[in-house]
Amino acid sequence: MPKKKARPPQKGMTPAQYELNFSAAWQAGMDGLEQAESAAADDERELMYGAVLAAARKHQLFTADDVWQEMDRQAVLHASAMGGALKRAKASGCIDWTGDFRRSSRVPTHTRPLPVWRSCIVESPSRGID
């Protein structure tokens, strides 16, 4: 079977428009995380961080689904604060990413994969994804 020729770029496209730049993609993701976190009020960010720590104290392994169970859903208006709270907990040494993912069980997330976090402060392991 003959090899297919690589499709040439469309007319008017520059190499930057059809090549992946992973460092730029990573930076865009970090910028988006900071922008999303700044959309939440200070008290919402603190409430979310507290919920992350509460989940970390209860579960050896957990996802954002477990964090949502720790909080009053009406109290947080910006779910975007979750990423910042997890980032802050990781930076403080309370949690660490396992490199694994689990599908979410929450309806609003449409079963998307969620990172699995390992607690460094677990007190009494209970239900979670352990």
Protein backbone atom coordinates (compact mmCIF):
# COMPACT_ATOMS: atom_id res chain seq x y z
CA MET A 1 0.00 0.00 0.00
CA PRO A 2 1.55 3.36 -0.96
CA LYS A 3 2.28 5.88 1.78
CA LYS A 4 0.03 8.89 2.01
CA LYS A 5 1.75 12.18 1.50
CA ALA A 6 1.64 14.67 4.35
CA ARG A 7 -1.02 17.23 3.74
CA PRO A 8 0.54 20.61 3.02
CA PRO A 9 -0.56 23.55 5.14
CA GLN A 10 -3.51 25.48 3.87
CA LYS A 11 -2.81 28.56 1.84
CA GLY A 12 -1.91 31.49 4.03
CA MET A 13 -1.05 29.40 7.14
CA THR A 14 2.25 29.94 8.90
CA PRO A 15 4.16 27.04 10.54
CA ALA A 16 3.09 28.31 13.97
CA GLN A 17 -0.54 27.71 13.03
CA TYR A 18 -0.14 24.00 12.41
CA GLU A 19 2.66 22.99 14.80
CA LEU A 20 2.12 22.26 18.48
CA ASN A 21 3.97 24.38 20.97
CA PHE A 22 3.72 22.50 24.27
CA SER A 23 5.35 25.18 26.42
CA ALA A 24 2.95 27.80 25.08
CA ALA A 25 0.02 25.43 25.68
CA TRP A 26 1.19 24.80 29.26
CA GLN A 27 1.58 28.54 29.89
CA ALA A 28 -1.88 29.22 28.46
CA GLY A 29 -3.28 26.59 30.84
CA MET A 30 -1.55 28.21 33.83
CA ASP A 31 -2.80 31.64 32.77
CA GLY A 32 -6.32 30.26 32.46
CA LEU A 33 -6.12 28.66 35.91
CA GLU A 34 -5.07 31.96 37.48
CA GLN A 35 -7.78 33.86 35.62
CA ALA A 36 -10.43 31.34 36.66
CA GLU A 37 -9.30 31.42 40.28
CA SER A 38 -9.36 35.21 40.35
CA ALA A 39 -13.03 35.11 39.29
CA ALA A 40 -13.92 33.72 42.72
CA ALA A 41 -14.16 35.95 45.78
CA ASP A 42 -11.58 35.55 48.57
CA ASP A 43 -14.06 33.83 50.88
CA GLU A 44 -15.03 31.39 48.11
CA ARG A 45 -11.37 30.51 47.49
CA GLU A 46 -10.81 29.95 51.22
CA LEU A 47 -13.93 27.80 51.50
CA MET A 48 -12.78 25.67 48.56
CA TYR A 49 -9.28 25.31 50.01
CA GLY A 50 -10.80 24.23 53.32
CA ALA A 51 -12.84 21.60 51.51
CA VAL A 52 -9.70 20.28 49.77
CA LEU A 53 -7.97 19.96 53.14
CA ALA A 54 -11.04 18.27 54.65
CA ALA A 55 -11.08 15.69 51.84
CA ALA A 56 -7.31 15.19 52.24
CA ARG A 57 -7.72 14.53 55.96
CA LYS A 58 -10.38 11.86 55.28
CA HIS A 59 -9.11 10.07 52.16
CA GLN A 60 -5.72 8.64 51.28
CA LEU A 61 -6.66 8.99 47.58
CA PHE A 62 -9.30 11.39 46.36
CA THR A 63 -10.59 13.44 43.40
CA ALA A 64 -12.42 16.74 43.09
CA ASP A 65 -15.67 14.75 43.45
CA ASP A 66 -14.68 14.01 47.07
CA VAL A 67 -13.91 17.69 47.63
CA TRP A 68 -17.39 18.67 46.38
CA GLN A 69 -18.90 16.29 48.95
CA GLU A 70 -17.12 18.20 51.71
CA MET A 71 -18.79 21.51 51.01
CA ASP A 72 -22.13 23.19 50.81
CA ARG A 73 -22.63 23.55 47.05
CA GLN A 74 -24.58 26.76 47.51
CA ALA A 75 -21.61 28.40 49.24
CA VAL A 76 -19.32 28.44 46.20
CA LEU A 77 -20.50 30.34 43.18
CA HIS A 78 -17.35 29.79 41.10
CA ALA A 79 -16.40 26.16 40.64
CA SER A 80 -13.28 27.52 38.95
CA ALA A 81 -11.81 28.01 42.41
CA MET A 82 -11.27 24.23 42.62
CA GLY A 83 -8.17 24.22 40.42
CA GLY A 84 -6.54 26.99 42.42
CA ALA A 85 -7.36 25.29 45.73
CA LEU A 86 -5.83 22.00 44.56
CA LYS A 87 -2.76 23.83 43.24
CA ARG A 88 -2.37 25.64 46.58
CA ALA A 89 -2.72 22.40 48.58
CA LYS A 90 -0.09 20.74 46.39
CA ALA A 91 2.30 23.68 46.78
CA SER A 92 1.87 23.54 50.58
CA GLY A 93 2.73 19.82 50.64
CA CYS A 94 -0.72 18.65 51.78
CA ILE A 95 -1.43 16.62 48.64
CA ASP A 96 0.45 15.18 45.69
CA TRP A 97 -0.75 14.08 42.27
CA THR A 98 -0.59 10.31 41.71
CA GLY A 99 -0.36 10.59 37.93
CA ASP A 100 -3.65 8.68 37.68
CA PHE A 101 -7.15 9.73 36.62
CA ARG A 102 -10.67 8.56 37.52
CA ARG A 103 -13.92 9.42 35.76
CA SER A 104 -16.11 11.86 37.60
CA SER A 105 -19.43 10.69 38.98
CA ARG A 106 -20.92 14.19 39.06
CA VAL A 107 -23.51 14.95 36.38
CA PRO A 108 -22.23 18.48 35.55
CA THR A 109 -18.80 17.08 34.62
CA HIS A 110 -20.15 14.54 32.12
CA THR A 111 -17.84 11.77 33.46
CA ARG A 112 -14.68 13.60 32.40
CA PRO A 113 -11.39 12.29 33.83
CA LEU A 114 -10.29 13.87 37.09
CA PRO A 115 -6.77 13.75 38.54
CA VAL A 116 -6.36 11.44 41.53
CA TRP A 117 -4.63 13.12 44.48
CA ARG A 118 -2.71 11.44 47.32
CA SER A 119 -3.09 12.96 50.76
CA CYS A 120 -0.03 13.74 52.85
CA ILE A 121 -2.21 14.69 55.85
CA VAL A 122 -4.74 11.86 56.02
CA GLU A 123 -6.02 11.30 59.58
CA SER A 124 -8.63 8.59 59.37
CA PRO A 125 -9.11 7.11 55.89
CA SER A 126 -12.73 6.58 54.94
CA ARG A 127 -14.68 6.15 51.75
CA GLY A 128 -13.20 7.87 48.76
CA ILE A 129 -11.54 6.11 45.87
CA ASP A 130 -9.11 4.29 48.19
